[in-house]
Structures are given as structure tokens and as C-alpha cells.
N, C-alpha and C. Protein backbone atom coordinates (compact mmCIF):
# COMPACT_ATOMS: atom_id res chain seq x y z
N UNK A 1 112.57 109.82 91.08
CA UNK A 1 112.67 110.41 89.76
C UNK A 1 111.81 111.66 89.73
N UNK A 2 112.32 112.68 89.10
CA UNK A 2 111.59 113.94 88.99
C UNK A 2 110.68 113.95 87.77
N UNK A 3 109.62 114.76 87.85
CA UNK A 3 108.68 114.86 86.73
C UNK A 3 109.39 115.35 85.48
N UNK A 4 110.34 116.25 85.63
CA UNK A 4 111.06 116.77 84.47
C UNK A 4 111.81 115.67 83.73
N UNK A 5 112.23 114.63 84.43
CA UNK A 5 112.91 113.50 83.79
C UNK A 5 111.91 112.60 83.05
N UNK A 6 110.69 112.49 83.55
CA UNK A 6 109.65 111.68 82.92
C UNK A 6 108.98 112.37 81.75
N UNK A 7 108.91 113.69 81.80
CA UNK A 7 108.10 114.45 80.84
C UNK A 7 108.49 114.23 79.39
N UNK A 8 109.73 113.97 79.07
CA UNK A 8 110.14 113.80 77.70
C UNK A 8 109.96 112.39 77.16
N UNK A 9 109.52 111.47 77.98
CA UNK A 9 109.40 110.07 77.57
C UNK A 9 108.08 109.79 76.88
N UNK A 10 108.10 108.81 75.98
CA UNK A 10 106.90 108.36 75.28
C UNK A 10 106.23 107.26 76.09
N UNK A 11 104.92 107.24 76.09
CA UNK A 11 104.14 106.22 76.78
C UNK A 11 103.73 105.17 75.75
N UNK A 12 104.13 103.91 75.97
CA UNK A 12 103.88 102.82 75.02
C UNK A 12 103.03 101.75 75.69
N UNK A 13 101.95 101.34 75.01
CA UNK A 13 101.08 100.27 75.48
C UNK A 13 101.68 98.94 75.02
N UNK A 14 102.08 98.10 75.96
CA UNK A 14 102.72 96.83 75.62
C UNK A 14 101.77 95.87 74.92
N UNK A 15 100.48 95.93 75.23
CA UNK A 15 99.51 95.01 74.63
C UNK A 15 99.38 95.24 73.12
N UNK A 16 99.29 96.48 72.72
CA UNK A 16 99.12 96.80 71.30
C UNK A 16 100.38 97.28 70.63
N UNK A 17 101.43 97.55 71.43
CA UNK A 17 102.67 98.06 70.87
C UNK A 17 102.52 99.44 70.26
N UNK A 18 101.54 100.20 70.76
CA UNK A 18 101.24 101.51 70.19
C UNK A 18 101.68 102.64 71.11
N UNK A 19 102.04 103.74 70.48
CA UNK A 19 102.37 104.96 71.21
C UNK A 19 101.08 105.58 71.71
N UNK A 20 101.04 105.90 72.99
CA UNK A 20 99.84 106.50 73.58
C UNK A 20 99.97 108.01 73.72
N UNK A 21 101.20 108.50 73.69
CA UNK A 21 101.43 109.93 73.83
C UNK A 21 102.69 110.21 74.61
N UNK A 22 102.95 111.46 74.81
CA UNK A 22 104.11 111.90 75.56
C UNK A 22 103.70 112.20 76.99
N UNK A 23 104.55 111.84 77.92
CA UNK A 23 104.22 112.12 79.33
C UNK A 23 104.22 113.61 79.62
N UNK A 24 104.91 114.38 78.78
CA UNK A 24 104.90 115.84 78.94
C UNK A 24 103.52 116.43 78.71
N UNK A 25 102.66 115.69 78.01
CA UNK A 25 101.30 116.16 77.74
C UNK A 25 100.29 115.60 78.73
N UNK A 26 100.76 114.82 79.70
CA UNK A 26 99.87 114.17 80.67
C UNK A 26 99.75 115.02 81.94
N UNK A 27 98.65 114.80 82.64
CA UNK A 27 98.46 115.38 83.96
C UNK A 27 98.64 114.27 84.99
N UNK A 28 99.04 114.62 86.17
CA UNK A 28 99.18 113.65 87.25
C UNK A 28 97.94 113.66 88.12
N UNK A 29 97.50 112.49 88.55
CA UNK A 29 96.42 112.37 89.52
C UNK A 29 97.11 111.96 90.83
N UNK A 30 97.01 112.83 91.82
CA UNK A 30 97.72 112.63 93.08
C UNK A 30 96.73 112.46 94.21
N UNK A 31 97.00 111.47 95.08
CA UNK A 31 96.17 111.25 96.27
C UNK A 31 96.47 112.37 97.25
N UNK A 32 95.47 113.20 97.59
CA UNK A 32 95.72 114.34 98.47
C UNK A 32 96.07 113.94 99.91
N UNK A 33 95.72 112.73 100.30
CA UNK A 33 96.00 112.31 101.67
C UNK A 33 97.45 111.88 101.88
N UNK A 34 98.05 111.20 100.88
CA UNK A 34 99.42 110.73 101.08
C UNK A 34 100.41 111.32 100.08
N UNK A 35 99.94 112.07 99.10
CA UNK A 35 100.82 112.72 98.14
C UNK A 35 101.40 111.80 97.07
N UNK A 36 100.92 110.56 96.99
CA UNK A 36 101.45 109.62 95.99
C UNK A 36 100.73 109.79 94.66
N UNK A 37 101.48 109.55 93.58
CA UNK A 37 100.90 109.59 92.24
C UNK A 37 100.05 108.34 92.07
N UNK A 38 98.78 108.51 91.72
CA UNK A 38 97.87 107.39 91.51
C UNK A 38 97.73 107.04 90.03
N UNK A 39 97.79 108.06 89.16
CA UNK A 39 97.55 107.80 87.74
C UNK A 39 98.09 108.93 86.89
N UNK A 40 98.16 108.63 85.59
CA UNK A 40 98.47 109.64 84.58
C UNK A 40 97.20 109.87 83.78
N UNK A 41 96.90 111.11 83.50
CA UNK A 41 95.70 111.46 82.73
C UNK A 41 96.15 112.00 81.38
N UNK A 42 95.84 111.25 80.32
CA UNK A 42 96.27 111.61 78.97
C UNK A 42 95.10 112.14 78.16
N UNK A 43 95.35 113.18 77.37
CA UNK A 43 94.37 113.67 76.40
C UNK A 43 94.76 113.10 75.06
N UNK A 44 93.88 112.29 74.47
CA UNK A 44 94.16 111.62 73.21
C UNK A 44 93.25 112.20 72.14
N UNK A 45 93.81 112.50 71.00
CA UNK A 45 93.04 113.09 69.92
C UNK A 45 93.36 114.56 69.78
N UNK A 46 92.60 115.23 68.95
CA UNK A 46 92.85 116.63 68.65
C UNK A 46 91.59 117.44 68.92
N UNK A 47 91.78 118.64 69.40
CA UNK A 47 90.64 119.51 69.62
C UNK A 47 90.44 120.45 68.43
N UNK A 48 91.23 120.32 67.39
CA UNK A 48 91.10 121.16 66.20
C UNK A 48 89.84 120.80 65.43
N UNK A 49 89.24 121.75 64.82
CA UNK A 49 88.07 121.57 63.96
C UNK A 49 86.91 120.90 64.68
N UNK A 50 86.75 121.18 65.95
CA UNK A 50 85.61 120.69 66.70
C UNK A 50 85.70 119.26 67.20
N UNK A 51 86.80 118.59 66.90
CA UNK A 51 86.97 117.22 67.39
C UNK A 51 87.31 117.26 68.86
N UNK A 52 86.65 116.44 69.63
CA UNK A 52 86.90 116.44 71.07
C UNK A 52 88.04 115.50 71.41
N UNK A 53 88.77 115.88 72.45
CA UNK A 53 89.83 115.02 72.95
C UNK A 53 89.23 114.01 73.90
N UNK A 54 89.76 112.80 73.85
CA UNK A 54 89.35 111.75 74.76
C UNK A 54 90.38 111.68 75.88
N UNK A 55 89.93 111.54 77.11
CA UNK A 55 90.84 111.44 78.23
C UNK A 55 90.95 109.99 78.67
N UNK A 56 92.18 109.52 78.84
CA UNK A 56 92.45 108.17 79.31
C UNK A 56 93.25 108.25 80.60
N UNK A 57 92.85 107.45 81.56
CA UNK A 57 93.55 107.40 82.83
C UNK A 57 94.36 106.11 82.89
N UNK A 58 95.66 106.25 83.10
CA UNK A 58 96.56 105.12 83.24
C UNK A 58 96.98 105.04 84.69
N UNK A 59 96.55 104.01 85.38
CA UNK A 59 96.91 103.83 86.79
C UNK A 59 98.40 103.59 86.93
N UNK A 60 99.00 104.16 87.96
CA UNK A 60 100.43 104.02 88.20
C UNK A 60 100.84 102.56 88.33
N UNK A 61 99.95 101.73 88.88
CA UNK A 61 100.26 100.31 89.07
C UNK A 61 100.39 99.57 87.74
N UNK A 62 99.94 100.15 86.63
CA UNK A 62 100.04 99.52 85.32
C UNK A 62 101.35 99.82 84.60
N UNK A 63 102.19 100.68 85.18
CA UNK A 63 103.50 100.98 84.60
C UNK A 63 104.41 99.80 84.89
N UNK A 64 104.99 99.24 83.82
CA UNK A 64 105.85 98.06 83.96
C UNK A 64 107.32 98.39 83.91
N UNK A 65 107.71 99.39 83.12
CA UNK A 65 109.13 99.71 82.98
C UNK A 65 109.28 101.16 82.57
N UNK A 66 110.22 101.85 83.22
CA UNK A 66 110.58 103.21 82.84
C UNK A 66 111.99 103.14 82.29
N UNK A 67 112.12 103.36 80.99
CA UNK A 67 113.41 103.30 80.33
C UNK A 67 113.95 104.68 80.03
N UNK A 68 115.09 104.74 79.34
CA UNK A 68 115.70 106.05 79.06
C UNK A 68 114.88 106.90 78.08
N UNK A 69 114.07 106.26 77.21
CA UNK A 69 113.30 107.02 76.22
C UNK A 69 111.80 106.80 76.29
N UNK A 70 111.36 105.74 76.98
CA UNK A 70 109.93 105.44 76.99
C UNK A 70 109.49 104.81 78.30
N UNK A 71 108.18 104.84 78.50
CA UNK A 71 107.54 104.20 79.65
C UNK A 71 106.59 103.15 79.10
N UNK A 72 106.77 101.91 79.56
CA UNK A 72 105.94 100.80 79.08
C UNK A 72 104.83 100.56 80.08
N UNK A 73 103.58 100.52 79.59
CA UNK A 73 102.44 100.24 80.44
C UNK A 73 101.74 98.98 79.96
N UNK A 74 101.11 98.27 80.88
CA UNK A 74 100.39 97.05 80.55
C UNK A 74 98.94 97.19 81.00
N UNK A 75 98.13 97.63 80.06
CA UNK A 75 96.69 97.76 80.30
C UNK A 75 95.97 97.27 79.06
N UNK A 76 94.94 96.45 79.25
CA UNK A 76 94.18 95.98 78.11
C UNK A 76 93.38 97.12 77.49
N UNK A 77 92.64 97.81 78.33
CA UNK A 77 91.82 98.93 77.89
C UNK A 77 91.92 100.01 78.95
N UNK A 78 92.71 101.06 78.71
CA UNK A 78 92.80 102.14 79.71
C UNK A 78 91.42 102.68 80.01
N UNK A 79 91.14 102.90 81.27
CA UNK A 79 89.81 103.37 81.65
C UNK A 79 89.63 104.82 81.27
N UNK A 80 88.42 105.17 80.94
CA UNK A 80 88.08 106.55 80.66
C UNK A 80 88.16 107.33 81.95
N UNK A 81 88.58 108.57 81.88
CA UNK A 81 88.71 109.39 83.08
C UNK A 81 87.35 109.59 83.74
N UNK A 82 86.31 109.53 82.95
CA UNK A 82 84.97 109.74 83.52
C UNK A 82 84.49 108.52 84.30
N UNK A 83 85.06 107.35 84.03
CA UNK A 83 84.65 106.13 84.71
C UNK A 83 85.26 106.00 86.09
N UNK A 84 86.38 106.67 86.33
CA UNK A 84 87.11 106.49 87.58
C UNK A 84 86.59 107.36 88.68
């Protein structure tokens, strides 16, 4: 699957049933040794009016289903990008 096909999909957390964001707004974390996608890096929140965005890293192994309109992930608490 190409990134352009994934970019328009919504990322949904199965545990909370909440929208996490659009994959078009995510960055990919790629292993430089083998070229495989390891994670998606999402910016959550708004940077308007001095509010900082929070970065969440969703490991590729937590993706459960890629559908025609959304991507379902199963993570209890997505790790902070700074923790990884």
C-alpha cells in the first residue's frame, strides 16, 4: 500500500473509540537499516495561541485493521515520542 492511499484515512483508537487524527498529518518513523515503517508520529493538539502540540508515537505493530476510510489501532496508552 502506498502512503498516498493511507494519508486520507482517520486513525481510530479501538480502546477508547476515539479519533486520534488523520494519517495525512502523521510522520513516519522508518528503520534506516531495513527501510521498514516502525511507527507513526502524530501531533495532537493545537499550536495556536501558545498551546503546545503533544506528540504520540503509534507503533506499527499496534495497527489492527486498515479499512477503506480508517485505520484501527489497539494501544492502551500511546507512548510519548520523547519516551521512545
